[in-house]
Amino acid sequence: MRKTNSYQSAFIKIAFIVFCALLVLVYNSTRAASGRMFSKTHIIFRQMPNSDISMKVKASEAVQLQFYLFTSEGKLLKKIETAGSAISVIKNPGSGIYLYQCFENDHELKSGKLILKNNKLNYD
C-alpha cells in the first residue's frame, strides 16, 4: 500500500512539472509570435558648459520613448518624450544623485544612476 502511494505521489509531481514546462513553452511561443522585440537602448549623457545636461537615447529602431529622471528620494524631476535618437536637454539639475528610467510603451528598456558632483558627471 505504501509503494502505491509513493508511486502516485511521484507521478503527480512529474505531471505537475511537465504541465509547468508546457505552460512556459506556450507562453514563449505566443510572445515570440507577437513579432515585437524591444530595441536595444543606450543612453548617453553629456555635461554642457552652462551646467545643463544633454541626453541622447540611442535605440536600434526609431520609436517613441519615455524618459524619467528622479531624485534619489524618488521625486519625479523630469519627464521627456523623445524619438529614438533625438537630443534632449535637462536644465541645470544641480549636484546630487539621480535615478533614470527609459520606457517604450510601458516596457522598461534601460534604468540607472546619474551622479553630478563637483561639475563631474558619472552614470551607469
PDB file of N, CA and C in Angstrom:
ATOM      1  N   MET A   1       0.809  -1.184   0.000  1.00  0.00           N
ATOM      2  CA  MET A   1       0.000   0.000   0.000  1.00  0.00           C
ATOM      3  C   MET A   1       0.860   1.259   0.000  1.00  0.00           C
ATOM      4  N   ARG A   2       1.950   1.243   0.740  1.00  0.00           N
ATOM      5  CA  ARG A   2       2.823   2.405   0.793  1.00  0.00           C
ATOM      6  C   ARG A   2       3.485   2.674  -0.544  1.00  0.00           C
ATOM      7  N   LYS A   3       3.903   1.612  -1.254  1.00  0.00           N
ATOM      8  CA  LYS A   3       4.547   1.797  -2.554  1.00  0.00           C
ATOM      9  C   LYS A   3       3.592   2.435  -3.544  1.00  0.00           C
ATOM     10  N   THR A   4       2.327   2.064  -3.498  1.00  0.00           N
ATOM     11  CA  THR A   4       1.344   2.626  -4.405  1.00  0.00           C
ATOM     12  C   THR A   4       1.182   4.120  -4.150  1.00  0.00           C
ATOM     13  N   ASN A   5       1.136   4.522  -2.887  1.00  0.00           N
ATOM     14  CA  ASN A   5       1.027   5.944  -2.549  1.00  0.00           C
ATOM     15  C   ASN A   5       2.260   6.717  -2.980  1.00  0.00           C
ATOM     16  N   SER A   6       3.445   6.139  -2.815  1.00  0.00           N
ATOM     17  CA  SER A   6       4.670   6.842  -3.212  1.00  0.00           C
ATOM     18  C   SER A   6       4.752   6.953  -4.732  1.00  0.00           C
ATOM     19  N   TYR A   7       4.290   5.917  -5.470  1.00  0.00           N
ATOM     20  CA  TYR A   7       4.260   5.997  -6.926  1.00  0.00           C
ATOM     21  C   TYR A   7       3.263   7.063  -7.391  1.00  0.00           C
ATOM     22  N   GLN A   8       2.118   7.106  -6.739  1.00  0.00           N
ATOM     23  CA  GLN A   8       1.114   8.099  -7.105  1.00  0.00           C
ATOM     24  C   GLN A   8       1.633   9.508  -6.828  1.00  0.00           C
ATOM     25  N   SER A   9       2.301   9.666  -5.700  1.00  0.00           N
ATOM     26  CA  SER A   9       2.858  10.965  -5.339  1.00  0.00           C
ATOM     27  C   SER A   9       3.927  11.383  -6.350  1.00  0.00           C
ATOM     28  N   ALA A  10       4.801  10.457  -6.739  1.00  0.00           N
ATOM     29  CA  ALA A  10       5.846  10.755  -7.715  1.00  0.00           C
ATOM     30  C   ALA A  10       5.221  11.090  -9.073  1.00  0.00           C
ATOM     31  N   PHE A  11       4.184  10.351  -9.467  1.00  0.00           N
ATOM     32  CA  PHE A  11       3.509  10.610 -10.744  1.00  0.00           C
ATOM     33  C   PHE A  11       2.883  12.001 -10.751  1.00  0.00           C
ATOM     34  N   ILE A  12       2.260  12.379  -9.654  1.00  0.00           N
ATOM     35  CA  ILE A  12       1.632  13.706  -9.564  1.00  0.00           C
ATOM     36  C   ILE A  12       2.690  14.812  -9.674  1.00  0.00           C
ATOM     37  N   LYS A  13       3.825  14.626  -9.028  1.00  0.00           N
ATOM     38  CA  LYS A  13       4.902  15.619  -9.092  1.00  0.00           C
ATOM     39  C   LYS A  13       5.453  15.751 -10.510  1.00  0.00           C
ATOM     40  N   ILE A  14       5.667  14.604 -11.171  1.00  0.00           N
ATOM     41  CA  ILE A  14       6.188  14.630 -12.539  1.00  0.00           C
ATOM     42  C   ILE A  14       5.166  15.264 -13.481  1.00  0.00           C
ATOM     43  N   ALA A  15       3.895  14.930 -13.300  1.00  0.00           N
ATOM     44  CA  ALA A  15       2.851  15.513 -14.143  1.00  0.00           C
ATOM     45  C   ALA A  15       2.789  17.027 -13.952  1.00  0.00           C
ATOM     46  N   PHE A  16       2.953  17.495 -12.736  1.00  0.00           N
ATOM     47  CA  PHE A  16       2.946  18.932 -12.452  1.00  0.00           C
ATOM     48  C   PHE A  16       4.120  19.626 -13.142  1.00  0.00           C
ATOM     49  N   ILE A  17       5.310  19.015 -13.086  1.00  0.00           N
ATOM     50  CA  ILE A  17       6.499  19.600 -13.716  1.00  0.00           C
ATOM     51  C   ILE A  17       6.309  19.667 -15.234  1.00  0.00           C
ATOM     52  N   VAL A  18       5.779  18.602 -15.825  1.00  0.00           N
ATOM     53  CA  VAL A  18       5.532  18.590 -17.268  1.00  0.00           C
ATOM     54  C   VAL A  18       4.505  19.666 -17.641  1.00  0.00           C
ATOM     55  N   PHE A  19       3.461  19.804 -16.842  1.00  0.00           N
ATOM     56  CA  PHE A  19       2.442  20.820 -17.083  1.00  0.00           C
ATOM     57  C   PHE A  19       3.047  22.221 -17.042  1.00  0.00           C
ATOM     58  N   CYS A  20       3.902  22.488 -16.061  1.00  0.00           N
ATOM     59  CA  CYS A  20       4.549  23.805 -15.960  1.00  0.00           C
ATOM     60  C   CYS A  20       5.459  24.058 -17.163  1.00  0.00           C
ATOM     61  N   ALA A  21       6.199  23.045 -17.596  1.00  0.00           N
ATOM     62  CA  ALA A  21       7.075  23.195 -18.758  1.00  0.00           C
ATOM     63  C   ALA A  21       6.254  23.512 -20.001  1.00  0.00           C
ATOM     64  N   LEU A  22       5.117  22.863 -20.157  1.00  0.00           N
ATOM     65  CA  LEU A  22       4.246  23.145 -21.298  1.00  0.00           C
ATOM     66  C   LEU A  22       3.702  24.573 -21.248  1.00  0.00           C
ATOM     67  N   LEU A  23       3.351  25.038 -20.058  1.00  0.00           N
ATOM     68  CA  LEU A  23       2.885  26.419 -19.916  1.00  0.00           C
ATOM     69  C   LEU A  23       3.966  27.411 -20.340  1.00  0.00           C
ATOM     70  N   VAL A  24       5.200  27.157 -19.952  1.00  0.00           N
ATOM     71  CA  VAL A  24       6.306  28.031 -20.331  1.00  0.00           C
ATOM     72  C   VAL A  24       6.488  28.024 -21.840  1.00  0.00           C
ATOM     73  N   LEU A  25       6.419  26.858 -22.456  1.00  0.00           N
ATOM     74  CA  LEU A  25       6.548  26.772 -23.915  1.00  0.00           C
ATOM     75  C   LEU A  25       5.441  27.541 -24.626  1.00  0.00           C
ATOM     76  N   VAL A  26       4.226  27.411 -24.153  1.00  0.00           N
ATOM     77  CA  VAL A  26       3.108  28.121 -24.770  1.00  0.00           C
ATOM     78  C   VAL A  26       3.287  29.624 -24.592  1.00  0.00           C
ATOM     79  N   TYR A  27       3.674  30.056 -23.407  1.00  0.00           N
ATOM     80  CA  TYR A  27       3.887  31.483 -23.153  1.00  0.00           C
ATOM     81  C   TYR A  27       4.961  32.041 -24.077  1.00  0.00           C
ATOM     82  N   ASN A  28       6.103  31.349 -24.171  1.00  0.00           N
ATOM     83  CA  ASN A  28       7.194  31.828 -25.022  1.00  0.00           C
ATOM     84  C   ASN A  28       6.810  31.844 -26.493  1.00  0.00           C
ATOM     85  N   SER A  29       6.062  30.863 -26.939  1.00  0.00           N
ATOM     86  CA  SER A  29       5.682  30.837 -28.348  1.00  0.00           C
ATOM     87  C   SER A  29       4.693  31.957 -28.676  1.00  0.00           C
ATOM     88  N   THR A  30       3.778  32.283 -27.768  1.00  0.00           N
ATOM     89  CA  THR A  30       2.852  33.385 -28.032  1.00  0.00           C
ATOM     90  C   THR A  30       3.576  34.720 -27.974  1.00  0.00           C
ATOM     91  N   ARG A  31       4.547  34.837 -27.126  1.00  0.00           N
ATOM     92  CA  ARG A  31       5.319  36.077 -27.046  1.00  0.00           C
ATOM     93  C   ARG A  31       6.153  36.270 -28.311  1.00  0.00           C
ATOM     94  N   ALA A  32       6.765  35.191 -28.781  1.00  0.00           N
ATOM     95  CA  ALA A  32       7.565  35.277 -29.999  1.00  0.00           C
ATOM     96  C   ALA A  32       6.672  35.515 -31.215  1.00  0.00           C
ATOM     97  N   ALA A  33       5.469  34.999 -31.188  1.00  0.00           N
ATOM     98  CA  ALA A  33       4.558  35.157 -32.320  1.00  0.00           C
ATOM     99  C   ALA A  33       4.063  36.589 -32.459  1.00  0.00           C
ATOM    100  N   SER A  34       4.130  37.352 -31.378  1.00  0.00           N
ATOM    101  CA  SER A  34       3.673  38.739 -31.466  1.00  0.00           C
ATOM    102  C   SER A  34       4.562  39.552 -32.398  1.00  0.00           C
ATOM    103  N   GLY A  35       5.792  39.086 -32.618  1.00  0.00           N
ATOM    104  CA  GLY A  35       6.696  39.740 -33.561  1.00  0.00           C
ATOM    105  C   GLY A  35       7.303  41.019 -33.044  1.00  0.00           C
ATOM    106  N   ARG A  36       7.035  41.420 -31.843  1.00  0.00           N
ATOM    107  CA  ARG A  36       7.548  42.685 -31.316  1.00  0.00           C
ATOM    108  C   ARG A  36       8.668  42.420 -30.339  1.00  0.00           C
ATOM    109  N   MET A  37       9.858  42.675 -30.774  1.00  0.00           N
ATOM    110  CA  MET A  37      11.015  42.591 -29.901  1.00  0.00           C
ATOM    111  C   MET A  37      11.421  44.034 -29.595  1.00  0.00           C
ATOM    112  N   PHE A  38      11.765  44.313 -28.365  1.00  0.00           N
ATOM    113  CA  PHE A  38      12.087  45.679 -27.987  1.00  0.00           C
ATOM    114  C   PHE A  38      13.519  46.007 -28.372  1.00  0.00           C
ATOM    115  N   SER A  39      13.729  47.252 -28.692  1.00  0.00           N
ATOM    116  CA  SER A  39      15.014  47.688 -29.211  1.00  0.00           C
ATOM    117  C   SER A  39      16.077  47.727 -28.122  1.00  0.00           C
ATOM    118  N   LYS A  40      17.310  47.538 -28.554  1.00  0.00           N
ATOM    119  CA  LYS A  40      18.442  47.672 -27.646  1.00  0.00           C
ATOM    120  C   LYS A  40      18.700  49.168 -27.484  1.00  0.00           C
ATOM    121  N   THR A  41      18.864  49.593 -26.269  1.00  0.00           N
ATOM    122  CA  THR A  41      18.900  51.023 -25.983  1.00  0.00           C
ATOM    123  C   THR A  41      20.157  51.411 -25.209  1.00  0.00           C
ATOM    124  N   HIS A  42      20.754  52.522 -25.616  1.00  0.00           N
ATOM    125  CA  HIS A  42      21.876  53.127 -24.887  1.00  0.00           C
ATOM    126  C   HIS A  42      21.513  54.578 -24.617  1.00  0.00           C
ATOM    127  N   ILE A  43      21.877  55.058 -23.447  1.00  0.00           N
ATOM    128  CA  ILE A  43      21.629  56.458 -23.114  1.00  0.00           C
ATOM    129  C   ILE A  43      22.971  57.126 -22.880  1.00  0.00           C
ATOM    130  N   ILE A  44      23.176  58.253 -23.555  1.00  0.00           N
ATOM    131  CA  ILE A  44      24.431  58.986 -23.440  1.00  0.00           C
ATOM    132  C   ILE A  44      24.139  60.349 -22.827  1.00  0.00           C
ATOM    133  N   PHE A  45      24.813  60.637 -21.728  1.00  0.00           N
ATOM    134  CA  PHE A  45      24.692  61.934 -21.064  1.00  0.00           C
ATOM    135  C   PHE A  45      25.972  62.719 -21.301  1.00  0.00           C
ATOM    136  N   ARG A  46      25.837  64.024 -21.510  1.00  0.00           N
ATOM    137  CA  ARG A  46      26.987  64.917 -21.647  1.00  0.00           C
ATOM    138  C   ARG A  46      26.722  66.162 -20.817  1.00  0.00           C
ATOM    139  N   GLN A  47      27.750  66.596 -20.102  1.00  0.00           N
ATOM    140  CA  GLN A  47      27.613  67.827 -19.325  1.00  0.00           C
ATOM    141  C   GLN A  47      27.965  69.004 -20.229  1.00  0.00           C
ATOM    142  N   MET A  48      27.099  70.003 -20.223  1.00  0.00           N
ATOM    143  CA  MET A  48      27.302  71.193 -21.045  1.00  0.00           C
ATOM    144  C   MET A  48      27.955  72.278 -20.183  1.00  0.00           C
ATOM    145  N   PRO A  49      28.608  73.253 -20.798  1.00  0.00           N
ATOM    146  CA  PRO A  49      29.311  74.280 -20.026  1.00  0.00           C
ATOM    147  C   PRO A  49      28.426  75.089 -19.075  1.00  0.00           C
ATOM    148  N   ASN A  50      27.130  75.216 -19.375  1.00  0.00           N
ATOM    149  CA  ASN A  50      26.247  76.033 -18.540  1.00  0.00           C
ATOM    150  C   ASN A  50      25.543  75.214 -17.454  1.00  0.00           C
ATOM    151  N   SER A  51      26.084  74.068 -17.073  1.00  0.00           N
ATOM    152  CA  SER A  51      25.548  73.176 -16.032  1.00  0.00           C
ATOM    153  C   SER A  51      24.318  72.395 -16.466  1.00  0.00           C
ATOM    154  N   ASP A  52      23.897  72.543 -17.717  1.00  0.00           N
ATOM    155  CA  ASP A  52      22.819  71.705 -18.232  1.00  0.00           C
ATOM    156  C   ASP A  52      23.408  70.348 -18.630  1.00  0.00           C
ATOM    157  N   ILE A  53      22.540  69.388 -18.836  1.00  0.00           N
ATOM    158  CA  ILE A  53      22.977  68.060 -19.266  1.00  0.00           C
ATOM    159  C   ILE A  53      22.230  67.714 -20.550  1.00  0.00           C
ATOM    160  N   SER A  54      22.971  67.298 -21.565  1.00  0.00           N
ATOM    161  CA  SER A  54      22.310  66.813 -22.773  1.00  0.00           C
ATOM    162  C   SER A  54      22.184  65.300 -22.651  1.00  0.00           C
ATOM    163  N   MET A  55      21.075  64.799 -23.149  1.00  0.00           N
ATOM    164  CA  MET A  55      20.783  63.378 -23.045  1.00  0.00           C
ATOM    165  C   MET A  55      20.351  62.884 -24.412  1.00  0.00           C
ATOM    166  N   LYS A  56      20.985  61.829 -24.884  1.00  0.00           N
ATOM    167  CA  LYS A  56      20.623  61.233 -26.173  1.00  0.00           C
ATOM    168  C   LYS A  56      20.349  59.762 -25.944  1.00  0.00           C
ATOM    169  N   VAL A  57      19.187  59.322 -26.373  1.00  0.00           N
ATOM    170  CA  VAL A  57      18.814  57.922 -26.275  1.00  0.00           C
ATOM    171  C   VAL A  57      19.051  57.297 -27.640  1.00  0.00           C
ATOM    172  N   LYS A  58      19.917  56.296 -27.680  1.00  0.00           N
ATOM    173  CA  LYS A  58      20.174  55.579 -28.928  1.00  0.00           C
ATOM    174  C   LYS A  58      19.424  54.267 -28.891  1.00  0.00           C
ATOM    175  N   ALA A  59      18.451  54.130 -29.763  1.00  0.00           N
ATOM    176  CA  ALA A  59      17.674  52.899 -29.868  1.00  0.00           C
ATOM    177  C   ALA A  59      17.930  52.289 -31.233  1.00  0.00           C
ATOM    178  N   SER A  60      17.805  50.965 -31.323  1.00  0.00           N
ATOM    179  CA  SER A  60      18.068  50.292 -32.593  1.00  0.00           C
ATOM    180  C   SER A  60      16.965  50.554 -33.613  1.00  0.00           C
ATOM    181  N   GLU A  61      15.846  51.076 -33.158  1.00  0.00           N
ATOM    182  CA  GLU A  61      14.737  51.424 -34.050  1.00  0.00           C
ATOM    183  C   GLU A  61      14.278  52.838 -33.730  1.00  0.00           C
ATOM    184  N   ALA A  62      13.649  53.489 -34.695  1.00  0.00           N
ATOM    185  CA  ALA A  62      13.070  54.810 -34.457  1.00  0.00           C
ATOM    186  C   ALA A  62      11.720  54.617 -33.780  1.00  0.00           C
ATOM    187  N   VAL A  63      11.714  54.720 -32.470  1.00  0.00           N
ATOM    188  CA  VAL A  63      10.496  54.514 -31.688  1.00  0.00           C
ATOM    189  C   VAL A  63      10.303  55.692 -30.735  1.00  0.00           C
ATOM    190  N   GLN A  64       9.094  55.841 -30.250  1.00  0.00           N
ATOM    191  CA  GLN A  64       8.784  56.877 -29.264  1.00  0.00           C
ATOM    192  C   GLN A  64       9.146  56.348 -27.878  1.00  0.00           C
ATOM    193  N   LEU A  65       9.958  57.092 -27.145  1.00  0.00           N
ATOM    194  CA  LEU A  65      10.436  56.656 -25.831  1.00  0.00           C
ATOM    195  C   LEU A  65      10.021  57.653 -24.761  1.00  0.00           C
ATOM    196  N   GLN A  66       9.875  57.147 -23.543  1.00  0.00           N
ATOM    197  CA  GLN A  66       9.593  57.993 -22.393  1.00  0.00           C
ATOM    198  C   GLN A  66      10.787  57.875 -21.442  1.00  0.00           C
ATOM    199  N   PHE A  67      11.343  59.026 -21.082  1.00  0.00           N
ATOM    200  CA  PHE A  67      12.498  59.086 -20.183  1.00  0.00           C
ATOM    201  C   PHE A  67      12.064  59.803 -18.913  1.00  0.00           C
ATOM    202  N   TYR A  68      12.376  59.209 -17.766  1.00  0.00           N
ATOM    203  CA  TYR A  68      12.025  59.785 -16.471  1.00  0.00           C
ATOM    204  C   TYR A  68      13.290  59.971 -15.654  1.00  0.00           C
ATOM    205  N   LEU A  69      13.423  61.136 -15.037  1.00  0.00           N
ATOM    206  CA  LEU A  69      14.546  61.428 -14.150  1.00  0.00           C
ATOM    207  C   LEU A  69      13.984  61.706 -12.761  1.00  0.00           C
ATOM    208  N   PHE A  70      14.506  60.982 -11.764  1.00  0.00           N
ATOM    209  CA  PHE A  70      14.037  61.093 -10.385  1.00  0.00           C
ATOM    210  C   PHE A  70      15.171  61.543  -9.480  1.00  0.00           C
ATOM    211  N   THR A  71      14.815  62.211  -8.384  1.00  0.00           N
ATOM    212  CA  THR A  71      15.799  62.485  -7.351  1.00  0.00           C
ATOM    213  C   THR A  71      16.070  61.174  -6.614  1.00  0.00           C
ATOM    214  N   SER A  72      17.088  61.169  -5.774  1.00  0.00           N
ATOM    215  CA  SER A  72      17.399  59.944  -5.021  1.00  0.00           C
ATOM    216  C   SER A  72      16.305  59.598  -4.017  1.00  0.00           C
ATOM    217  N   GLU A  73      15.437  60.563  -3.701  1.00  0.00           N
ATOM    218  CA  GLU A  73      14.310  60.300  -2.805  1.00  0.00           C
ATOM    219  C   GLU A  73      13.100  59.759  -3.558  1.00  0.00           C
ATOM    220  N   GLY A  74      13.169  59.720  -4.892  1.00  0.00           N
ATOM    221  CA  GLY A  74      12.083  59.171  -5.690  1.00  0.00           C
ATOM    222  C   GLY A  74      11.120  60.201  -6.254  1.00  0.00           C
ATOM    223  N   LYS A  75      11.428  61.481  -6.091  1.00  0.00           N
ATOM    224  CA  LYS A  75      10.560  62.535  -6.631  1.00  0.00           C
ATOM    225  C   LYS A  75      10.854  62.717  -8.125  1.00  0.00           C
ATOM    226  N   LEU A  76       9.783  62.747  -8.936  1.00  0.00           N
ATOM    227  CA  LEU A  76       9.937  62.929 -10.377  1.00  0.00           C
ATOM    228  C   LEU A  76      10.449  64.336 -10.654  1.00  0.00           C
ATOM    229  N   LEU A  77      11.592  64.414 -11.312  1.00  0.00           N
ATOM    230  CA  LEU A  77      12.207  65.695 -11.617  1.00  0.00           C
ATOM    231  C   LEU A  77      11.906  66.119 -13.056  1.00  0.00           C
ATOM    232  N   LYS A  78      11.912  65.160 -13.967  1.00  0.00           N
ATOM    233  CA  LYS A  78      11.740  65.483 -15.380  1.00  0.00           C
ATOM    234  C   LYS A  78      11.176  64.282 -16.112  1.00  0.00           C
ATOM    235  N   LYS A  79      10.215  64.547 -17.005  1.00  0.00           N
ATOM    236  CA  LYS A  79       9.687  63.528 -17.916  1.00  0.00           C
ATOM    237  C   LYS A  79       9.902  64.044 -19.323  1.00  0.00           C
ATOM    238  N   ILE A  80      10.539  63.213 -20.155  1.00  0.00           N
ATOM    239  CA  ILE A  80      10.831  63.605 -21.525  1.00  0.00           C
ATOM    240  C   ILE A  80      10.296  62.532 -22.465  1.00  0.00           C
ATOM    241  N   GLU A  81       9.495  62.957 -23.428  1.00  0.00           N
ATOM    242  CA  GLU A  81       9.055  62.058 -24.500  1.00  0.00           C
ATOM    243  C   GLU A  81       9.944  62.382 -25.689  1.00  0.00           C
ATOM    244  N   THR A  82      10.605  61.376 -26.224  1.00  0.00           N
ATOM    245  CA  THR A  82      11.573  61.625 -27.279  1.00  0.00           C
ATOM    246  C   THR A  82      11.542  60.527 -28.329  1.00  0.00           C
ATOM    247  N   ALA A  83      11.980  60.888 -29.506  1.00  0.00           N
ATOM    248  CA  ALA A  83      12.173  59.892 -30.561  1.00  0.00           C
ATOM    249  C   ALA A  83      13.512  59.205 -30.308  1.00  0.00           C
ATOM    250  N   GLY A  84      13.734  58.098 -30.958  1.00  0.00           N
ATOM    251  CA  GLY A  84      14.888  57.245 -30.690  1.00  0.00           C
ATOM    252  C   GLY A  84      16.244  57.913 -30.633  1.00  0.00           C
ATOM    253  N   SER A  85      16.549  58.890 -31.477  1.00  0.00           N
ATOM    254  CA  SER A  85      17.896  59.450 -31.479  1.00  0.00           C
ATOM    255  C   SER A  85      17.927  60.960 -31.268  1.00  0.00           C
ATOM    256  N   ALA A  86      16.867  61.535 -30.786  1.00  0.00           N
ATOM    257  CA  ALA A  86      16.817  62.983 -30.546  1.00  0.00           C
ATOM    258  C   ALA A  86      17.616  63.332 -29.288  1.00  0.00           C
ATOM    259  N   ILE A  87      18.154  64.534 -29.291  1.00  0.00           N
ATOM    260  CA  ILE A  87      18.896  65.025 -28.126  1.00  0.00           C
ATOM    261  C   ILE A  87      17.966  65.908 -27.302  1.00  0.00           C
ATOM    262  N   SER A  88      17.911  65.649 -25.999  1.00  0.00           N
ATOM    263  CA  SER A  88      17.103  66.451 -25.083  1.00  0.00           C
ATOM    264  C   SER A  88      18.029  67.097 -24.065  1.00  0.00           C
ATOM    265  N   VAL A  89      17.577  68.207 -23.503  1.00  0.00           N
ATOM    266  CA  VAL A  89      18.383  68.934 -22.525  1.00  0.00           C
ATOM    267  C   VAL A  89      17.675  68.924 -21.179  1.00  0.00           C
ATOM    268  N   ILE A  90      18.432  68.603 -20.142  1.00  0.00           N
ATOM    269  CA  ILE A  90      17.950  68.678 -18.757  1.00  0.00           C
ATOM    270  C   ILE A  90      18.572  69.940 -18.180  1.00  0.00           C
ATOM    271  N   LYS A  91      17.735  70.913 -17.898  1.00  0.00           N
ATOM    272  CA  LYS A  91      18.200  72.234 -17.456  1.00  0.00           C
ATOM    273  C   LYS A  91      18.688  72.193 -16.009  1.00  0.00           C
ATOM    274  N   ASN A  92      19.932  72.553 -15.804  1.00  0.00           N
ATOM    275  CA  ASN A  92      20.568  72.765 -14.502  1.00  0.00           C
ATOM    276  C   ASN A  92      19.996  71.906 -13.370  1.00  0.00           C
ATOM    277  N   PRO A  93      20.225  70.601 -13.370  1.00  0.00           N
ATOM    278  CA  PRO A  93      19.662  69.761 -12.308  1.00  0.00           C
ATOM    279  C   PRO A  93      20.334  69.943 -10.949  1.00  0.00           C
ATOM    280  N   GLY A  94      21.546  70.467 -10.904  1.00  0.00           N
ATOM    281  CA  GLY A  94      22.247  70.652  -9.638  1.00  0.00           C
ATOM    282  C   GLY A  94      22.974  69.384  -9.218  1.00  0.00           C
ATOM    283  N   SER A  95      23.872  69.521  -8.263  1.00  0.00           N
ATOM    284  CA  SER A  95      24.638  68.371  -7.777  1.00  0.00           C
ATOM    285  C   SER A  95      23.727  67.397  -7.059  1.00  0.00           C
ATOM    286  N   GLY A  96      24.064  66.123  -7.162  1.00  0.00           N
ATOM    287  CA  GLY A  96      23.280  65.111  -6.469  1.00  0.00           C
ATOM    288  C   GLY A  96      23.287  63.785  -7.193  1.00  0.00           C
ATOM    289  N   ILE A  97      22.530  62.877  -6.648  1.00  0.00           N
ATOM    290  CA  ILE A  97      22.378  61.552  -7.232  1.00  0.00           C
ATOM    291  C   ILE A  97      20.964  61.460  -7.792  1.00  0.00           C
ATOM    292  N   TYR A  98      20.865  61.038  -9.043  1.00  0.00           N
ATOM    293  CA  TYR A  98      19.585  60.932  -9.726  1.00  0.00           C
ATOM    294  C   TYR A  98      19.414  59.520 -10.272  1.00  0.00           C
ATOM    295  N   LEU A  99      18.186  59.121 -10.397  1.00  0.00           N
ATOM    296  CA  LEU A  99      17.861  57.825 -10.976  1.00  0.00           C
ATOM    297  C   LEU A  99      17.083  58.069 -12.260  1.00  0.00           C
ATOM    298  N   TYR A 100      17.334  57.246 -13.270  1.00  0.00           N
ATOM    299  CA  TYR A 100      16.606  57.422 -14.529  1.00  0.00           C
ATOM    300  C   TYR A 100      16.038  56.089 -15.004  1.00  0.00           C
ATOM    301  N   GLN A 101      14.961  56.197 -15.773  1.00  0.00           N
ATOM    302  CA  GLN A 101      14.333  55.049 -16.402  1.00  0.00           C
ATOM    303  C   GLN A 101      13.900  55.459 -17.802  1.00  0.00           C
ATOM    304  N   CYS A 102      14.027  54.536 -18.741  1.00  0.00           N
ATOM    305  CA  CYS A 102      13.612  54.777 -20.110  1.00  0.00           C
ATOM    306  C   CYS A 102      12.652  53.662 -20.515  1.00  0.00           C
ATOM    307  N   PHE A 103      11.499  54.040 -21.054  1.00  0.00           N
ATOM    308  CA  PHE A 103      10.447  53.095 -21.402  1.00  0.00           C
ATOM    309  C   PHE A 103      10.044  53.243 -22.857  1.00  0.00           C
ATOM    310  N   GLU A 104       9.568  52.139 -23.410  1.00  0.00           N
ATOM    311  CA  GLU A 104       8.857  52.146 -24.681  1.00  0.00           C
ATOM    312  C   GLU A 104       7.540  51.433 -24.445  1.00  0.00           C
ATOM    313  N   ASN A 105       6.438  52.178 -24.506  1.00  0.00           N
ATOM    314  CA  ASN A 105       5.098  51.609 -24.284  1.00  0.00           C
ATOM    315  C   ASN A 105       5.021  50.758 -23.013  1.00  0.00           C
ATOM    316  N   ASP A 106       5.390  51.321 -21.894  1.00  0.00           N
ATOM    317  CA  ASP A 106       5.332  50.662 -20.586  1.00  0.00           C
ATOM    318  C   ASP A 106       6.286  49.484 -20.437  1.00  0.00           C
ATOM    319  N   HIS A 107       7.231  49.332 -21.335  1.00  0.00           N
ATOM    320  CA  HIS A 107       8.255  48.297 -21.209  1.00  0.00           C
ATOM    321  C   HIS A 107       9.578  48.996 -20.907  1.00  0.00           C
ATOM    322  N   GLU A 108      10.175  48.672 -19.752  1.00  0.00           N
ATOM    323  CA  GLU A 108      11.418  49.336 -19.372  1.00  0.00           C
ATOM    324  C   GLU A 108      12.566  48.837 -20.236  1.00  0.00           C
ATOM    325  N   LEU A 109      13.233  49.787 -20.889  1.00  0.00           N
ATOM    326  CA  LEU A 109      14.371  49.464 -21.745  1.00  0.00           C
ATOM    327  C   LEU A 109      15.690  49.640 -21.018  1.00  0.00           C
ATOM    328  N   LYS A 110      15.770  50.645 -20.169  1.00  0.00           N
ATOM    329  CA  LYS A 110      17.035  50.964 -19.505  1.00  0.00           C
ATOM    330  C   LYS A 110      16.749  51.737 -18.231  1.00  0.00           C
ATOM    331  N   SER A 111      17.549  51.499 -17.214  1.00  0.00           N
ATOM    332  CA  SER A 111      17.474  52.287 -15.982  1.00  0.00           C
ATOM    333  C   SER A 111      18.874  52.377 -15.404  1.00  0.00           C
ATOM    334  N   GLY A 112      19.087  53.373 -14.573  1.00  0.00           N
ATOM    335  CA  GLY A 112      20.411  53.519 -13.989  1.00  0.00           C
ATOM    336  C   GLY A 112      20.495  54.716 -13.067  1.00  0.00           C
ATOM    337  N   LYS A 113      21.744  55.065 -12.743  1.00  0.00           N
ATOM    338  CA  LYS A 113      22.029  56.128 -11.789  1.00  0.00           C
ATOM    339  C   LYS A 113      22.876  57.188 -12.474  1.00  0.00           C
ATOM    340  N   LEU A 114      22.580  58.436 -12.170  1.00  0.00           N
ATOM    341  CA  LEU A 114      23.292  59.589 -12.711  1.00  0.00           C
ATOM    342  C   LEU A 114      23.813  60.376 -11.515  1.00  0.00           C
ATOM    343  N   ILE A 115      25.130  60.597 -11.473  1.00  0.00           N
ATOM    344  CA  ILE A 115      25.731  61.296 -10.336  1.00  0.00           C
ATOM    345  C   ILE A 115      26.391  62.581 -10.824  1.00  0.00           C
ATOM    346  N   LEU A 116      25.986  63.710 -10.240  1.00  0.00           N
ATOM    347  CA  LEU A 116      26.582  65.013 -10.527  1.00  0.00           C
ATOM    348  C   LEU A 116      27.262  65.508  -9.256  1.00  0.00           C
ATOM    349  N   LYS A 117      28.579  65.658  -9.328  1.00  0.00           N
ATOM    350  CA  LYS A 117      29.317  66.098  -8.147  1.00  0.00           C
ATOM    351  C   LYS A 117      30.528  66.900  -8.603  1.00  0.00           C
ATOM    352  N   ASN A 118      30.695  68.087  -8.055  1.00  0.00           N
ATOM    353  CA  ASN A 118      31.832  68.962  -8.377  1.00  0.00           C
ATOM    354  C   ASN A 118      32.007  69.138  -9.889  1.00  0.00           C
ATOM    355  N   ASN A 119      30.911  69.419 -10.574  1.00  0.00           N
ATOM    356  CA  ASN A 119      30.902  69.620 -12.021  1.00  0.00           C
ATOM    357  C   ASN A 119      31.407  68.411 -12.804  1.00  0.00           C
ATOM    358  N   LYS A 120      31.292  67.228 -12.216  1.00  0.00           N
ATOM    359  CA  LYS A 120      31.639  65.991 -12.915  1.00  0.00           C
ATOM    360  C   LYS A 120      30.412  65.119 -13.026  1.00  0.00           C
ATOM    361  N   LEU A 121      30.281  64.472 -14.156  1.00  0.00           N
ATOM    362  CA  LEU A 121      29.115  63.658 -14.464  1.00  0.00           C
ATOM    363  C   LEU A 121      29.543  62.198 -14.575  1.00  0.00           C
ATOM    364  N   ASN A 122      28.880  61.332 -13.815  1.00  0.00           N
ATOM    365  CA  ASN A 122      29.084  59.890 -13.896  1.00  0.00           C
ATOM    366  C   ASN A 122      27.719  59.227 -14.018  1.00  0.00           C
ATOM    367  N   TYR A 123      27.652  58.175 -14.799  1.00  0.00           N
ATOM    368  CA  TYR A 123      26.399  57.439 -14.923  1.00  0.00           C
ATOM    369  C   TYR A 123      26.683  56.002 -15.304  1.00  0.00           C
ATOM    370  N   ASP A 124      25.669  55.169 -15.063  1.00  0.00           N
ATOM    371  CA  ASP A 124      25.798  53.768 -15.470  1.00  0.00           C
ATOM    372  C   ASP A 124      24.654  53.377 -16.369  1.00  0.00           C
TER     373      ASP A 124
END
